[in-house]
Amino acid sequence: GAFAVAGGVSLLLLKLTLMASIADEIRAGLLAVFPCASRF
């Protein structure tokens, strides 16, 4: 439905921009940790 489309687009855009915005100094660590913490 419409809510799923709007929510899905927002979710993917947020993830894309956030992953692209991580600073080099913490990039590898944060990319490794965020799927771990979310599943906890």
PDB file of all heavy atoms in Angstrom:
ATOM      1  N   GLY A   1       0.805  -1.205   0.000  1.00  0.00           N
ATOM      2  CA  GLY A   1       0.000   0.000   0.000  1.00  0.00           C
ATOM      3  C   GLY A   1       0.843   1.262   0.000  1.00  0.00           C
ATOM      4  O   GLY A   1       2.081   1.218  -0.007  1.00  0.00           O
ATOM      5  N   ALA A   2       0.162   2.395   0.041  1.00  0.00           N
ATOM      6  CA  ALA A   2       0.838   3.696  -0.024  1.00  0.00           C
ATOM      7  C   ALA A   2       1.748   3.922   1.179  1.00  0.00           C
ATOM      8  O   ALA A   2       2.848   4.487   1.050  1.00  0.00           O
ATOM      9  CB  ALA A   2      -0.207   4.811  -0.111  1.00  0.00           C
ATOM     10  N   PHE A   3       1.312   3.488   2.365  1.00  0.00           N
ATOM     11  CA  PHE A   3       2.136   3.683   3.553  1.00  0.00           C
ATOM     12  C   PHE A   3       3.426   2.872   3.465  1.00  0.00           C
ATOM     13  O   PHE A   3       4.488   3.324   3.908  1.00  0.00           O
ATOM     14  CB  PHE A   3       1.357   3.294   4.801  1.00  0.00           C
ATOM     15  CG  PHE A   3       0.227   4.228   5.127  1.00  0.00           C
ATOM     16  CD1 PHE A   3      -1.088   3.793   5.061  1.00  0.00           C
ATOM     17  CD2 PHE A   3       0.473   5.551   5.482  1.00  0.00           C
ATOM     18  CE1 PHE A   3      -2.141   4.650   5.358  1.00  0.00           C
ATOM     19  CE2 PHE A   3      -0.571   6.413   5.772  1.00  0.00           C
ATOM     20  CZ  PHE A   3      -1.887   5.969   5.712  1.00  0.00           C
ATOM     21  N   ALA A   4       3.344   1.684   2.896  1.00  0.00           N
ATOM     22  CA  ALA A   4       4.537   0.857   2.735  1.00  0.00           C
ATOM     23  C   ALA A   4       5.518   1.505   1.761  1.00  0.00           C
ATOM     24  O   ALA A   4       6.728   1.517   2.006  1.00  0.00           O
ATOM     25  CB  ALA A   4       4.150  -0.532   2.244  1.00  0.00           C
ATOM     26  N   VAL A   5       4.999   2.035   0.660  1.00  0.00           N
ATOM     27  CA  VAL A   5       5.871   2.683  -0.324  1.00  0.00           C
ATOM     28  C   VAL A   5       6.559   3.896   0.284  1.00  0.00           C
ATOM     29  O   VAL A   5       7.782   4.072   0.164  1.00  0.00           O
ATOM     30  CB  VAL A   5       5.057   3.092  -1.567  1.00  0.00           C
ATOM     31  CG1 VAL A   5       5.920   3.927  -2.508  1.00  0.00           C
ATOM     32  CG2 VAL A   5       4.521   1.861  -2.289  1.00  0.00           C
ATOM     33  N   ALA A   6       5.781   4.748   0.953  1.00  0.00           N
ATOM     34  CA  ALA A   6       6.358   5.943   1.559  1.00  0.00           C
ATOM     35  C   ALA A   6       7.377   5.582   2.641  1.00  0.00           C
ATOM     36  O   ALA A   6       8.468   6.166   2.713  1.00  0.00           O
ATOM     37  CB  ALA A   6       5.248   6.813   2.152  1.00  0.00           C
ATOM     38  N   GLY A   7       7.029   4.610   3.474  1.00  0.00           N
ATOM     39  CA  GLY A   7       7.942   4.197   4.525  1.00  0.00           C
ATOM     40  C   GLY A   7       9.200   3.554   3.986  1.00  0.00           C
ATOM     41  O   GLY A   7      10.306   3.818   4.464  1.00  0.00           O
ATOM     42  N   GLY A   8       9.043   2.698   2.958  1.00  0.00           N
ATOM     43  CA  GLY A   8      10.196   2.022   2.375  1.00  0.00           C
ATOM     44  C   GLY A   8      11.159   2.982   1.704  1.00  0.00           C
ATOM     45  O   GLY A   8      12.385   2.865   1.870  1.00  0.00           O
ATOM     46  N   VAL A   9      10.631   3.933   0.945  1.00  0.00           N
ATOM     47  CA  VAL A   9      11.488   4.927   0.288  1.00  0.00           C
ATOM     48  C   VAL A   9      12.238   5.742   1.329  1.00  0.00           C
ATOM     49  O   VAL A   9      13.449   5.992   1.204  1.00  0.00           O
ATOM     50  CB  VAL A   9      10.651   5.837  -0.632  1.00  0.00           C
ATOM     51  CG1 VAL A   9      11.482   7.022  -1.116  1.00  0.00           C
ATOM     52  CG2 VAL A   9      10.118   5.059  -1.818  1.00  0.00           C
ATOM     53  N   SER A  10      11.530   6.174   2.371  1.00  0.00           N
ATOM     54  CA  SER A  10      12.167   6.960   3.433  1.00  0.00           C
ATOM     55  C   SER A  10      13.259   6.154   4.122  1.00  0.00           C
ATOM     56  O   SER A  10      14.361   6.661   4.390  1.00  0.00           O
ATOM     57  CB  SER A  10      11.124   7.402   4.458  1.00  0.00           C
ATOM     58  OG  SER A  10      10.128   8.208   3.863  1.00  0.00           O
ATOM     59  N   LEU A  11      12.981   4.887   4.404  1.00  0.00           N
ATOM     60  CA  LEU A  11      13.952   4.029   5.076  1.00  0.00           C
ATOM     61  C   LEU A  11      15.224   3.871   4.245  1.00  0.00           C
ATOM     62  O   LEU A  11      16.343   4.042   4.756  1.00  0.00           O
ATOM     63  CB  LEU A  11      13.322   2.660   5.339  1.00  0.00           C
ATOM     64  CG  LEU A  11      14.249   1.595   5.937  1.00  0.00           C
ATOM     65  CD1 LEU A  11      14.557   1.921   7.390  1.00  0.00           C
ATOM     66  CD2 LEU A  11      13.617   0.205   5.816  1.00  0.00           C
ATOM     67  N   LEU A  12      15.079   3.555   2.966  1.00  0.00           N
ATOM     68  CA  LEU A  12      16.246   3.322   2.119  1.00  0.00           C
ATOM     69  C   LEU A  12      17.046   4.600   1.890  1.00  0.00           C
ATOM     70  O   LEU A  12      18.288   4.571   1.852  1.00  0.00           O
ATOM     71  CB  LEU A  12      15.806   2.717   0.787  1.00  0.00           C
ATOM     72  CG  LEU A  12      15.162   1.328   0.879  1.00  0.00           C
ATOM     73  CD1 LEU A  12      14.739   0.837  -0.499  1.00  0.00           C
ATOM     74  CD2 LEU A  12      16.110   0.321   1.528  1.00  0.00           C
ATOM     75  N   LEU A  13      16.359   5.733   1.748  1.00  0.00           N
ATOM     76  CA  LEU A  13      17.069   7.007   1.587  1.00  0.00           C
ATOM     77  C   LEU A  13      17.861   7.357   2.837  1.00  0.00           C
ATOM     78  O   LEU A  13      19.000   7.831   2.760  1.00  0.00           O
ATOM     79  CB  LEU A  13      16.080   8.126   1.255  1.00  0.00           C
ATOM     80  CG  LEU A  13      15.543   8.157  -0.170  1.00  0.00           C
ATOM     81  CD1 LEU A  13      14.485   9.255  -0.331  1.00  0.00           C
ATOM     82  CD2 LEU A  13      16.679   8.383  -1.180  1.00  0.00           C
ATOM     83  N   LEU A  14      17.256   7.125   3.992  1.00  0.00           N
ATOM     84  CA  LEU A  14      17.962   7.391   5.241  1.00  0.00           C
ATOM     85  C   LEU A  14      19.200   6.513   5.366  1.00  0.00           C
ATOM     86  O   LEU A  14      20.289   6.988   5.720  1.00  0.00           O
ATOM     87  CB  LEU A  14      17.025   7.151   6.425  1.00  0.00           C
ATOM     88  CG  LEU A  14      16.049   8.275   6.760  1.00  0.00           C
ATOM     89  CD1 LEU A  14      15.006   7.793   7.760  1.00  0.00           C
ATOM     90  CD2 LEU A  14      16.788   9.485   7.319  1.00  0.00           C
ATOM     91  N   LYS A  15      19.046   5.222   5.073  1.00  0.00           N
ATOM     92  CA  LYS A  15      20.198   4.322   5.175  1.00  0.00           C
ATOM     93  C   LYS A  15      21.300   4.719   4.201  1.00  0.00           C
ATOM     94  O   LYS A  15      22.491   4.720   4.548  1.00  0.00           O
ATOM     95  CB  LYS A  15      19.758   2.878   4.907  1.00  0.00           C
ATOM     96  CG  LYS A  15      19.040   2.211   6.061  1.00  0.00           C
ATOM     97  CD  LYS A  15      18.877   0.724   5.771  1.00  0.00           C
ATOM     98  CE  LYS A  15      18.207  -0.004   6.905  1.00  0.00           C
ATOM     99  NZ  LYS A  15      18.115  -1.455   6.662  1.00  0.00           N
ATOM    100  N   LEU A  16      20.912   5.049   2.973  1.00  0.00           N
ATOM    101  CA  LEU A  16      21.904   5.417   1.968  1.00  0.00           C
ATOM    102  C   LEU A  16      22.699   6.633   2.420  1.00  0.00           C
ATOM    103  O   LEU A  16      23.936   6.628   2.393  1.00  0.00           O
ATOM    104  CB  LEU A  16      21.196   5.691   0.639  1.00  0.00           C
ATOM    105  CG  LEU A  16      22.055   5.936  -0.606  1.00  0.00           C
ATOM    106  CD1 LEU A  16      21.250   5.627  -1.859  1.00  0.00           C
ATOM    107  CD2 LEU A  16      22.559   7.374  -0.682  1.00  0.00           C
ATOM    108  N   THR A  17      22.011   7.693   2.805  1.00  0.00           N
ATOM    109  CA  THR A  17      22.705   8.924   3.178  1.00  0.00           C
ATOM    110  C   THR A  17      23.513   8.751   4.456  1.00  0.00           C
ATOM    111  O   THR A  17      24.614   9.310   4.580  1.00  0.00           O
ATOM    112  CB  THR A  17      21.709  10.085   3.334  1.00  0.00           C
ATOM    113  OG1 THR A  17      20.655   9.694   4.224  1.00  0.00           O
ATOM    114  CG2 THR A  17      21.098  10.458   1.998  1.00  0.00           C
ATOM    115  N   LEU A  18      23.002   7.983   5.396  1.00  0.00           N
ATOM    116  CA  LEU A  18      23.747   7.765   6.634  1.00  0.00           C
ATOM    117  C   LEU A  18      25.022   6.963   6.379  1.00  0.00           C
ATOM    118  O   LEU A  18      26.098   7.296   6.892  1.00  0.00           O
ATOM    119  CB  LEU A  18      22.868   7.055   7.662  1.00  0.00           C
ATOM    120  CG  LEU A  18      21.760   7.898   8.286  1.00  0.00           C
ATOM    121  CD1 LEU A  18      20.813   7.026   9.098  1.00  0.00           C
ATOM    122  CD2 LEU A  18      22.339   9.003   9.162  1.00  0.00           C
ATOM    123  N   MET A  19      24.919   5.897   5.590  1.00  0.00           N
ATOM    124  CA  MET A  19      26.109   5.098   5.301  1.00  0.00           C
ATOM    125  C   MET A  19      27.143   5.903   4.519  1.00  0.00           C
ATOM    126  O   MET A  19      28.350   5.716   4.681  1.00  0.00           O
ATOM    127  CB  MET A  19      25.727   3.834   4.526  1.00  0.00           C
ATOM    128  CG  MET A  19      24.993   2.800   5.356  1.00  0.00           C
ATOM    129  SD  MET A  19      24.817   1.235   4.457  1.00  0.00           S
ATOM    130  CE  MET A  19      23.564   0.417   5.435  1.00  0.00           C
ATOM    131  N   ALA A  20      26.663   6.796   3.656  1.00  0.00           N
ATOM    132  CA  ALA A  20      27.592   7.613   2.884  1.00  0.00           C
ATOM    133  C   ALA A  20      28.217   8.722   3.714  1.00  0.00           C
ATOM    134  O   ALA A  20      29.229   9.299   3.316  1.00  0.00           O
ATOM    135  CB  ALA A  20      26.861   8.226   1.683  1.00  0.00           C
ATOM    136  N   SER A  21      27.650   9.014   4.874  1.00  0.00           N
ATOM    137  CA  SER A  21      28.097  10.145   5.687  1.00  0.00           C
ATOM    138  C   SER A  21      29.045   9.761   6.812  1.00  0.00           C
ATOM    139  O   SER A  21      29.521  10.642   7.526  1.00  0.00           O
ATOM    140  CB  SER A  21      26.871  10.845   6.303  1.00  0.00           C
ATOM    141  OG  SER A  21      25.992  11.301   5.307  1.00  0.00           O
ATOM    142  N   ILE A  22      29.299   8.484   7.007  1.00  0.00           N
ATOM    143  CA  ILE A  22      30.168   8.060   8.115  1.00  0.00           C
ATOM    144  C   ILE A  22      31.604   8.507   7.843  1.00  0.00           C
ATOM    145  O   ILE A  22      32.140   8.292   6.760  1.00  0.00           O
ATOM    146  CB  ILE A  22      30.120   6.537   8.289  1.00  0.00           C
ATOM    147  CG1 ILE A  22      28.684   6.056   8.494  1.00  0.00           C
ATOM    148  CG2 ILE A  22      30.985   6.115   9.479  1.00  0.00           C
ATOM    149  CD1 ILE A  22      28.537   4.546   8.470  1.00  0.00           C
ATOM    150  N   ALA A  23      32.223   9.129   8.838  1.00  0.00           N
ATOM    151  CA  ALA A  23      33.603   9.594   8.699  1.00  0.00           C
ATOM    152  C   ALA A  23      34.569   8.420   8.582  1.00  0.00           C
ATOM    153  O   ALA A  23      34.324   7.327   9.108  1.00  0.00           O
ATOM    154  CB  ALA A  23      33.985  10.471   9.888  1.00  0.00           C
ATOM    155  N   ASP A  24      35.673   8.656   7.895  1.00  0.00           N
ATOM    156  CA  ASP A  24      36.654   7.605   7.660  1.00  0.00           C
ATOM    157  C   ASP A  24      37.185   6.999   8.962  1.00  0.00           C
ATOM    158  O   ASP A  24      37.452   5.798   9.037  1.00  0.00           O
ATOM    159  CB  ASP A  24      37.830   8.153   6.850  1.00  0.00           C
ATOM    160  CG  ASP A  24      37.443   8.501   5.422  1.00  0.00           C
ATOM    161  OD1 ASP A  24      36.373   8.032   4.965  1.00  0.00           O
ATOM    162  OD2 ASP A  24      38.196   9.247   4.763  1.00  0.00           O
ATOM    163  N   GLU A  25      37.345   7.848   9.991  1.00  0.00           N
ATOM    164  CA  GLU A  25      37.950   7.387  11.238  1.00  0.00           C
ATOM    165  C   GLU A  25      37.146   6.297  11.937  1.00  0.00           C
ATOM    166  O   GLU A  25      37.709   5.483  12.671  1.00  0.00           O
ATOM    167  CB  GLU A  25      38.145   8.572  12.192  1.00  0.00           C
ATOM    168  CG  GLU A  25      39.193   9.585  11.742  1.00  0.00           C
ATOM    169  CD  GLU A  25      38.622  10.612  10.774  1.00  0.00           C
ATOM    170  OE1 GLU A  25      37.513  10.394  10.235  1.00  0.00           O
ATOM    171  OE2 GLU A  25      39.297  11.629  10.544  1.00  0.00           O
ATOM    172  N   ILE A  26      35.853   6.290  11.748  1.00  0.00           N
ATOM    173  CA  ILE A  26      35.008   5.307  12.437  1.00  0.00           C
ATOM    174  C   ILE A  26      34.234   4.436  11.456  1.00  0.00           C
ATOM    175  O   ILE A  26      33.408   3.633  11.860  1.00  0.00           O
ATOM    176  CB  ILE A  26      33.998   6.011  13.366  1.00  0.00           C
ATOM    177  CG1 ILE A  26      33.084   6.942  12.550  1.00  0.00           C
ATOM    178  CG2 ILE A  26      34.707   6.747  14.485  1.00  0.00           C
ATOM    179  CD1 ILE A  26      31.846   7.394  13.276  1.00  0.00           C
ATOM    180  N   ARG A  27      34.510   4.592  10.177  1.00  0.00           N
ATOM    181  CA  ARG A  27      33.672   3.987   9.144  1.00  0.00           C
ATOM    182  C   ARG A  27      33.598   2.468   9.265  1.00  0.00           C
ATOM    183  O   ARG A  27      32.504   1.891   9.337  1.00  0.00           O
ATOM    184  CB  ARG A  27      34.180   4.391   7.762  1.00  0.00           C
ATOM    185  CG  ARG A  27      33.236   4.007   6.653  1.00  0.00           C
ATOM    186  CD  ARG A  27      33.577   4.687   5.343  1.00  0.00           C
ATOM    187  NE  ARG A  27      32.587   4.317   4.347  1.00  0.00           N
ATOM    188  CZ  ARG A  27      31.413   4.917   4.206  1.00  0.00           C
ATOM    189  NH1 ARG A  27      31.099   5.932   4.990  1.00  0.00           N
ATOM    190  NH2 ARG A  27      30.551   4.515   3.293  1.00  0.00           N
ATOM    191  N   ALA A  28      34.725   1.806   9.288  1.00  0.00           N
ATOM    192  CA  ALA A  28      34.731   0.342   9.333  1.00  0.00           C
ATOM    193  C   ALA A  28      34.059  -0.167  10.607  1.00  0.00           C
ATOM    194  O   ALA A  28      33.266  -1.105  10.575  1.00  0.00           O
ATOM    195  CB  ALA A  28      36.160  -0.181   9.235  1.00  0.00           C
ATOM    196  N   GLY A  29      34.358   0.475  11.737  1.00  0.00           N
ATOM    197  CA  GLY A  29      33.792   0.025  12.996  1.00  0.00           C
ATOM    198  C   GLY A  29      32.289   0.184  13.063  1.00  0.00           C
ATOM    199  O   GLY A  29      31.578  -0.739  13.485  1.00  0.00           O
ATOM    200  N   LEU A  30      31.779   1.335  12.640  1.00  0.00           N
ATOM    201  CA  LEU A  30      30.341   1.569  12.707  1.00  0.00           C
ATOM    202  C   LEU A  30      29.587   0.690  11.719  1.00  0.00           C
ATOM    203  O   LEU A  30      28.494   0.190  12.033  1.00  0.00           O
ATOM    204  CB  LEU A  30      30.029   3.047  12.447  1.00  0.00           C
ATOM    205  CG  LEU A  30      28.570   3.479  12.651  1.00  0.00           C
ATOM    206  CD1 LEU A  30      28.072   3.109  14.033  1.00  0.00           C
ATOM    207  CD2 LEU A  30      28.417   4.974  12.408  1.00  0.00           C
ATOM    208  N   LEU A  31      30.145   0.473  10.530  1.00  0.00           N
ATOM    209  CA  LEU A  31      29.496  -0.415   9.562  1.00  0.00           C
ATOM    210  C   LEU A  31      29.407  -1.841  10.103  1.00  0.00           C
ATOM    211  O   LEU A  31      28.435  -2.552   9.830  1.00  0.00           O
ATOM    212  CB  LEU A  31      30.262  -0.401   8.237  1.00  0.00           C
ATOM    213  CG  LEU A  31      30.085   0.836   7.358  1.00  0.00           C
ATOM    214  CD1 LEU A  31      31.013   0.767   6.140  1.00  0.00           C
ATOM    215  CD2 LEU A  31      28.637   0.999   6.912  1.00  0.00           C
ATOM    216  N   ALA A  32      30.411  -2.264  10.844  1.00  0.00           N
ATOM    217  CA  ALA A  32      30.387  -3.615  11.399  1.00  0.00           C
ATOM    218  C   ALA A  32      29.431  -3.731  12.582  1.00  0.00           C
ATOM    219  O   ALA A  32      28.774  -4.757  12.757  1.00  0.00           O
ATOM    220  CB  ALA A  32      31.801  -4.030  11.831  1.00  0.00           C
ATOM    221  N   VAL A  33      29.324  -2.650  13.362  1.00  0.00           N
ATOM    222  CA  VAL A  33      28.578  -2.723  14.621  1.00  0.00           C
ATOM    223  C   VAL A  33      27.076  -2.515  14.445  1.00  0.00           C
ATOM    224  O   VAL A  33      26.274  -3.147  15.141  1.00  0.00           O
ATOM    225  CB  VAL A  33      29.148  -1.705  15.628  1.00  0.00           C
ATOM    226  CG1 VAL A  33      28.203  -1.501  16.814  1.00  0.00           C
ATOM    227  CG2 VAL A  33      30.510  -2.160  16.121  1.00  0.00           C
ATOM    228  N   PHE A  34      26.652  -1.652  13.510  1.00  0.00           N
ATOM    229  CA  PHE A  34      25.235  -1.298  13.505  1.00  0.00           C
ATOM    230  C   PHE A  34      24.301  -2.479  13.210  1.00  0.00           C
ATOM    231  O   PHE A  34      23.230  -2.576  13.833  1.00  0.00           O
ATOM    232  CB  PHE A  34      24.968  -0.108  12.555  1.00  0.00           C
ATOM    233  CG  PHE A  34      24.692  -0.454  11.130  1.00  0.00           C
ATOM    234  CD1 PHE A  34      23.399  -0.734  10.693  1.00  0.00           C
ATOM    235  CD2 PHE A  34      25.720  -0.471  10.203  1.00  0.00           C
ATOM    236  CE1 PHE A  34      23.140  -1.037   9.363  1.00  0.00           C
ATOM    237  CE2 PHE A  34      25.478  -0.767   8.872  1.00  0.00           C
ATOM    238  CZ  PHE A  34      24.180  -1.058   8.447  1.00  0.00           C
ATOM    239  N   PRO A  35      24.628  -3.428  12.316  1.00  0.00           N
ATOM    240  CA  PRO A  35      23.718  -4.578  12.164  1.00  0.00           C
ATOM    241  C   PRO A  35      23.725  -5.494  13.383  1.00  0.00           C
ATOM    242  O   PRO A  35      22.723  -6.164  13.670  1.00  0.00           O
ATOM    243  CB  PRO A  35      24.267  -5.311  10.926  1.00  0.00           C
ATOM    244  CG  PRO A  35      25.184  -4.350  10.263  1.00  0.00           C
ATOM    245  CD  PRO A  35      25.745  -3.522  11.363  1.00  0.00           C
ATOM    246  N   CYS A  36      24.834  -5.527  14.103  1.00  0.00           N
ATOM    247  CA  CYS A  36      24.935  -6.338  15.310  1.00  0.00           C
ATOM    248  C   CYS A  36      24.046  -5.767  16.411  1.00  0.00           C
ATOM    249  O   CYS A  36      23.245  -6.484  17.026  1.00  0.00           O
ATOM    250  CB  CYS A  36      26.398  -6.383  15.756  1.00  0.00           C
ATOM    251  SG  CYS A  36      26.680  -7.167  17.354  1.00  0.00           S
ATOM    252  N   ALA A  37      24.161  -4.464  16.652  1.00  0.00           N
ATOM    253  CA  ALA A  37      23.387  -3.830  17.713  1.00  0.00           C
ATOM    254  C   ALA A  37      21.890  -3.842  17.409  1.00  0.00           C
ATOM    255  O   ALA A  37      21.065  -4.038  18.304  1.00  0.00           O
ATOM    256  CB  ALA A  37      23.869  -2.395  17.924  1.00  0.00           C
ATOM    257  N   SER A  38      21.518  -3.640  16.138  1.00  0.00           N
ATOM    258  CA  SER A  38      20.096  -3.625  15.791  1.00  0.00           C
ATOM    259  C   SER A  38      19.457  -4.995  16.001  1.00  0.00           C
ATOM    260  O   SER A  38      18.300  -5.092  16.429  1.00  0.00           O
ATOM    261  CB  SER A  38      19.899  -3.182  14.339  1.00  0.00           C
ATOM    262  OG  SER A  38      20.379  -4.150  13.426  1.00  0.00           O
ATOM    263  N   ARG A  39      20.201  -6.056  15.727  1.00  0.00           N
ATOM    264  CA  ARG A  39      19.652  -7.399  15.929  1.00  0.00           C
ATOM    265  C   ARG A  39      19.589  -7.762  17.409  1.00  0.00           C
ATOM    266  O   ARG A  39      18.737  -8.545  17.811  1.00  0.00           O
ATOM    267  CB  ARG A  39      20.452  -8.423  15.108  1.00  0.00           C
ATOM    268  CG  ARG A  39      20.015  -8.413  13.641  1.00  0.00           C
ATOM    269  CD  ARG A  39      21.083  -8.804  12.658  1.00  0.00           C
ATOM    270  NE  ARG A  39      20.575  -8.656  11.288  1.00  0.00           N
ATOM    271  CZ  ARG A  39      20.492  -7.473  10.652  1.00  0.00           C
ATOM    272  NH1 ARG A  39      20.860  -6.363  11.259  1.00  0.00           N
ATOM    273  NH2 ARG A  39      20.032  -7.414   9.408  1.00  0.00           N
ATOM    274  N   PHE A  40      20.468  -7.181  18.207  1.00  0.00           N
ATOM    275  CA  PHE A  40      20.293  -7.328  19.646  1.00  0.00           C
ATOM    276  C   PHE A  40      18.999  -6.639  20.085  1.00  0.00           C
ATOM    277  O   PHE A  40      18.256  -7.163  20.930  1.00  0.00           O
ATOM    278  CB  PHE A  40      21.475  -6.726  20.406  1.00  0.00           C
ATOM    279  CG  PHE A  40      21.151  -6.465  21.848  1.00  0.00           C
ATOM    280  CD1 PHE A  40      20.885  -7.521  22.712  1.00  0.00           C
ATOM    281  CD2 PHE A  40      21.068  -5.171  22.330  1.00  0.00           C
ATOM    282  CE1 PHE A  40      20.555  -7.283  24.035  1.00  0.00           C
ATOM    283  CE2 PHE A  40      20.728  -4.929  23.645  1.00  0.00           C
ATOM    284  CZ  PHE A  40      20.476  -5.986  24.513  1.00  0.00           C
TER     285      PHE A  40
END
